[in-house]
Amino acid sequence: MGVSKLAVPVALVVILVVAGAYVFLGGNSTPPPSSTVSGPPTVAVRSAVNQLVQDVNDRNVDGVATFYNQNSLAIWSGSTGGLSGRYSGAANIKLIYATTVGKTTKMNATVSNYAEKQFSPTHFNTTYVIGMLANSTVAGILTATISVSQEWNWGGGGWQISRENWAYNYFDSTTIDLNKPGGDPTTFPQWGVMRAGGNPDLVSEKSFEWHAGPYVAATVYAFLLGIVFFFAVRTRSVYRARVRQGQEGPRLT
């Protein structure tokens, strides 16, 4: 009877803790709101491009992510080393940069053939070529040539990218050249799948671990807290029952 009476409050506690964790974590992981026009631009779009490239060179993934919002779309194509795909939203775009730029120890990206087309004072399209030379902790020396096309919109006090295409005209790494065993499943696990004729999407592969991990952890903590709460209440109930039966507790003389 004691267990059956305690089952309902324990279950309610677990549900409330999980729900609270879900709301808290979900609120913290919400992407920044899409930018809205708030007056004329105060900086040139070329300055935003320069800052983006500088953040790449600094391996500043958080800085790069500020140029995107939940409506942004990034498309990587060509010789990407297995990372071809469409990446929607700031969170997924940040993931692709964390998987590549974030794994380098040294980065040198240079811009050439820059051009821009103005559709309105707050709407530009830019094109340029990035020459990249980097050292990766798992992929060795990386070299790449990338044709970049970006659609920029001014809003929320800054320039943000609504859509971009990174077309890799050339990509190579010393790990690929040496065909080292174990190199594929580290930073770029798609290499092996690409060689087998597949075209995997990094985001679909990583999204479960990336998004579900915090909620699974919250559920585990809630479960453990429920067990502690259950035994605490159970012990107290048994003690009270014994006191009522005169088995324990103070006795009057």
Protein backbone atom coordinates (compact mmCIF):
# COMPACT_ATOMS: atom_id res chain seq x y z
CA MET A 1 0.00 0.00 0.00
CA GLY A 2 2.84 2.34 0.86
CA VAL A 3 4.46 1.75 -2.54
CA SER A 4 1.19 2.22 -4.45
CA LYS A 5 0.43 5.45 -2.63
CA LEU A 6 3.87 6.84 -3.39
CA ALA A 7 3.88 5.84 -7.05
CA VAL A 8 1.69 8.76 -8.16
CA PRO A 9 3.64 11.59 -6.43
CA VAL A 10 6.97 10.11 -7.54
CA ALA A 11 5.78 9.91 -11.15
CA LEU A 12 4.54 13.51 -10.95
CA VAL A 13 7.90 14.69 -9.64
CA VAL A 14 9.75 12.93 -12.46
CA ILE A 15 7.40 14.37 -15.08
CA LEU A 16 7.71 17.90 -13.68
CA VAL A 17 11.52 17.72 -13.57
CA VAL A 18 11.75 16.40 -17.14
CA ALA A 19 9.26 19.01 -18.38
CA GLY A 20 11.16 21.79 -16.61
CA ALA A 21 14.46 20.62 -18.08
CA TYR A 22 12.90 20.41 -21.53
CA VAL A 23 11.58 23.98 -21.32
CA PHE A 24 14.86 25.29 -19.91
CA LEU A 25 17.09 23.55 -22.45
CA GLY A 26 14.70 24.22 -25.31
CA GLY A 27 14.64 27.90 -24.45
CA ASN A 28 18.43 28.07 -24.32
CA SER A 29 18.82 26.30 -27.66
CA THR A 30 16.33 28.47 -29.55
CA PRO A 31 18.08 30.06 -32.57
CA PRO A 32 18.27 33.83 -32.69
CA PRO A 33 15.24 35.49 -34.28
CA SER A 34 15.35 36.27 -37.96
CA SER A 35 16.64 39.71 -38.68
CA THR A 36 14.26 42.50 -39.60
CA VAL A 37 15.10 45.73 -41.32
CA SER A 38 15.94 48.44 -38.81
CA GLY A 39 17.13 51.43 -40.78
CA PRO A 40 19.83 51.83 -43.40
CA PRO A 41 23.10 49.91 -43.12
CA THR A 42 25.79 51.55 -41.04
CA VAL A 43 28.61 49.37 -42.41
CA ALA A 44 29.42 48.12 -45.89
CA VAL A 45 28.60 44.54 -46.79
CA ARG A 46 32.25 44.06 -47.75
CA SER A 47 33.14 44.72 -44.11
CA ALA A 48 30.84 41.88 -43.07
CA VAL A 49 32.49 39.56 -45.60
CA ASN A 50 35.92 40.53 -44.31
CA GLN A 51 34.84 39.86 -40.73
CA LEU A 52 33.38 36.49 -41.67
CA VAL A 53 36.65 35.43 -43.31
CA GLN A 54 38.60 36.79 -40.34
CA ASP A 55 36.50 34.68 -37.97
CA VAL A 56 37.25 31.64 -40.13
CA ASN A 57 40.97 32.42 -39.94
CA ASP A 58 40.69 32.88 -36.18
CA ARG A 59 38.83 29.56 -35.99
CA ASN A 60 36.10 31.47 -34.16
CA VAL A 61 33.06 29.27 -34.78
CA ASP A 62 30.82 31.34 -32.51
CA GLY A 63 31.78 34.48 -34.41
CA VAL A 64 30.99 32.85 -37.75
CA ALA A 65 27.60 31.67 -36.46
CA THR A 66 26.47 35.24 -35.70
CA PHE A 67 26.12 35.89 -39.44
CA TYR A 68 23.30 33.32 -39.69
CA ASN A 69 19.78 32.98 -38.29
CA GLN A 70 17.10 30.28 -38.19
CA ASN A 71 16.07 31.05 -41.78
CA SER A 72 19.58 30.83 -43.24
CA LEU A 73 20.48 28.14 -45.74
CA ALA A 74 24.03 27.00 -46.54
CA ILE A 75 24.74 24.63 -49.43
CA TRP A 76 28.11 22.88 -49.72
CA SER A 77 28.82 21.11 -52.98
CA GLY A 78 31.68 19.78 -55.07
CA SER A 79 34.81 18.18 -53.64
CA THR A 80 33.98 18.71 -49.98
CA GLY A 81 35.60 15.60 -48.54
CA GLY A 82 32.21 14.10 -47.75
CA LEU A 83 30.46 17.18 -46.37
CA SER A 84 28.20 18.01 -49.31
CA GLY A 85 24.69 18.89 -48.23
CA ARG A 86 22.09 21.51 -47.39
CA TYR A 87 22.32 22.96 -43.89
CA SER A 88 19.34 24.94 -42.61
CA GLY A 89 19.34 27.23 -39.61
CA ALA A 90 22.09 28.79 -37.53
CA ALA A 91 22.48 25.72 -35.29
CA ASN A 92 23.14 23.29 -38.14
CA ILE A 93 25.37 25.74 -39.99
CA LYS A 94 27.37 26.26 -36.80
CA LEU A 95 27.74 22.48 -36.58
CA ILE A 96 29.29 22.24 -40.04
CA TYR A 97 31.79 24.97 -39.17
CA ALA A 98 32.57 23.31 -35.82
CA THR A 99 33.24 20.03 -37.64
CA THR A 100 35.66 21.63 -40.08
CA VAL A 101 37.05 25.00 -39.00
CA GLY A 102 36.76 24.04 -35.34
CA LYS A 103 39.05 21.04 -35.86
CA THR A 104 41.93 23.04 -37.29
CA THR A 105 44.98 24.24 -35.41
CA LYS A 106 45.96 26.75 -38.08
CA MET A 107 43.90 28.38 -40.80
CA ASN A 108 44.77 30.68 -43.68
CA ALA A 109 41.83 31.67 -45.88
CA THR A 110 42.29 34.39 -48.50
CA VAL A 111 39.70 36.15 -50.68
CA SER A 112 40.08 36.89 -54.39
CA ASN A 113 37.81 37.92 -57.28
CA TYR A 114 35.41 39.72 -54.96
CA ALA A 115 32.29 41.20 -56.54
CA GLU A 116 28.95 42.40 -55.24
CA LYS A 117 25.56 43.22 -56.70
CA GLN A 118 23.15 45.57 -54.96
CA PHE A 119 19.42 44.88 -55.16
CA SER A 120 18.54 47.50 -52.55
CA PRO A 121 20.40 49.35 -49.79
CA THR A 122 19.67 46.41 -47.46
CA HIS A 123 19.98 43.53 -49.92
CA PHE A 124 23.24 42.46 -51.60
CA ASN A 125 24.65 39.46 -53.36
CA THR A 126 28.39 38.81 -53.07
CA THR A 127 30.65 36.40 -54.93
CA TYR A 128 34.31 35.60 -54.30
CA VAL A 129 36.84 32.80 -54.22
CA ILE A 130 38.40 31.49 -51.02
CA GLY A 131 41.83 29.89 -51.13
CA MET A 132 42.27 27.78 -48.00
CA LEU A 133 45.33 26.22 -46.40
CA ALA A 134 44.89 24.70 -42.95
CA ASN A 135 46.27 22.18 -40.48
CA SER A 136 43.73 19.79 -38.97
CA THR A 137 44.24 17.66 -35.88
CA VAL A 138 42.74 14.65 -37.64
CA ALA A 139 42.92 15.35 -41.38
CA GLY A 140 46.46 16.67 -41.66
CA ILE A 141 47.18 19.50 -44.08
CA LEU A 142 44.08 20.70 -45.90
CA THR A 143 44.02 22.67 -49.13
CA ALA A 144 40.89 23.88 -50.88
CA THR A 145 39.61 26.36 -53.46
CA ILE A 146 36.01 27.43 -52.93
CA SER A 147 33.70 29.57 -55.05
CA VAL A 148 31.39 31.40 -52.67
CA SER A 149 28.06 33.08 -53.43
CA GLN A 150 26.13 34.76 -50.60
CA GLU A 151 22.88 36.66 -50.26
CA TRP A 152 23.16 39.29 -47.54
CA ASN A 153 20.35 41.19 -45.81
CA TRP A 154 20.66 44.05 -43.39
CA GLY A 155 18.56 43.77 -40.25
CA GLY A 156 18.73 43.75 -36.49
CA GLY A 157 21.71 46.09 -36.61
CA GLY A 158 23.94 43.93 -38.77
CA TRP A 159 24.42 42.01 -42.00
CA GLN A 160 23.22 38.42 -42.06
CA ILE A 161 23.38 35.68 -44.68
CA SER A 162 20.03 34.35 -45.84
CA ARG A 163 21.48 31.93 -48.39
CA GLU A 164 24.96 30.89 -49.46
CA ASN A 165 26.66 28.39 -51.74
CA TRP A 166 30.13 27.03 -51.11
CA ALA A 167 31.20 25.21 -54.26
CA TYR A 168 34.44 23.35 -53.57
CA ASN A 169 36.38 23.37 -56.82
CA TYR A 170 39.30 21.59 -55.15
CA PHE A 171 39.75 19.78 -51.84
CA ASP A 172 42.63 17.67 -50.59
CA SER A 173 44.14 16.52 -47.30
CA THR A 174 47.25 14.56 -46.42
CA THR A 175 45.10 12.03 -44.54
CA ILE A 176 43.23 11.22 -47.73
CA ASP A 177 46.46 11.07 -49.71
CA LEU A 178 48.08 8.68 -47.27
CA ASN A 179 44.86 6.66 -46.85
CA LYS A 180 45.59 6.28 -43.16
CA PRO A 181 43.39 3.72 -41.42
CA GLY A 182 41.03 5.30 -38.94
CA GLY A 183 41.12 8.70 -40.60
CA ASP A 184 37.64 8.48 -42.08
CA PRO A 185 35.46 8.11 -38.98
CA THR A 186 37.03 11.01 -37.06
CA THR A 187 36.18 14.49 -38.21
CA PHE A 188 34.75 13.61 -41.61
CA PRO A 189 33.09 10.17 -41.25
CA GLN A 190 31.39 10.66 -44.62
CA TRP A 191 34.63 10.06 -46.57
CA GLY A 192 34.19 6.29 -46.43
CA VAL A 193 30.55 6.54 -47.49
CA MET A 194 31.45 8.86 -50.34
CA ARG A 195 34.02 6.37 -51.62
CA ALA A 196 31.28 3.73 -51.55
CA GLY A 197 29.12 5.89 -53.82
CA GLY A 198 26.91 7.47 -51.14
CA ASN A 199 26.14 11.11 -50.52
CA PRO A 200 25.58 11.36 -46.77
CA ASP A 201 24.40 14.44 -44.91
CA LEU A 202 26.39 15.35 -41.81
CA VAL A 203 23.50 17.10 -40.14
CA SER A 204 21.15 14.13 -40.36
CA GLU A 205 23.88 11.92 -38.92
CA LYS A 206 24.76 14.17 -36.01
CA SER A 207 21.47 15.89 -35.23
CA PHE A 208 20.22 13.22 -32.79
CA GLU A 209 23.34 13.29 -30.60
CA TRP A 210 23.57 17.06 -30.93
CA HIS A 211 19.98 17.84 -29.94
CA ALA A 212 18.80 14.85 -27.90
CA GLY A 213 21.82 14.51 -25.62
CA PRO A 214 20.83 17.26 -23.12
CA TYR A 215 17.28 15.92 -22.84
CA VAL A 216 18.47 12.35 -22.27
CA ALA A 217 20.77 13.64 -19.52
CA ALA A 218 17.88 15.58 -17.96
CA THR A 219 15.72 12.44 -17.98
CA VAL A 220 18.45 10.43 -16.25
CA TYR A 221 18.86 13.07 -13.54
CA ALA A 222 15.09 13.24 -13.09
CA PHE A 223 14.93 9.46 -12.73
CA LEU A 224 17.68 9.45 -10.09
CA LEU A 225 16.01 12.30 -8.24
CA GLY A 226 12.73 10.37 -8.33
CA ILE A 227 14.40 7.32 -6.77
CA VAL A 228 15.89 9.43 -3.96
CA PHE A 229 12.54 11.10 -3.37
CA PHE A 230 10.76 7.72 -3.36
CA PHE A 231 13.03 6.16 -0.74
CA ALA A 232 12.96 9.29 1.41
CA VAL A 233 9.16 9.33 1.49
CA ARG A 234 8.99 5.57 1.87
CA THR A 235 11.34 5.60 4.85
CA ARG A 236 9.36 8.38 6.47
CA SER A 237 6.08 6.49 5.95
CA VAL A 238 7.47 3.29 7.48
CA TYR A 239 8.80 5.23 10.44
CA ARG A 240 5.42 6.89 11.04
CA ALA A 241 3.66 3.53 10.80
CA ARG A 242 5.94 2.07 13.44
CA VAL A 243 5.43 5.05 15.70
CA ARG A 244 1.68 4.60 15.44
CA GLN A 245 2.10 0.93 16.32
CA GLY A 246 4.25 1.85 19.32
CA GLN A 247 7.34 0.13 17.93
CA GLU A 248 9.51 3.24 17.78
CA GLY A 249 9.54 6.79 18.91
CA PRO A 250 9.34 8.44 22.29
CA ARG A 251 7.38 6.72 25.04
CA LEU A 252 5.54 8.52 27.81
CA THR A 253 6.35 7.48 31.35
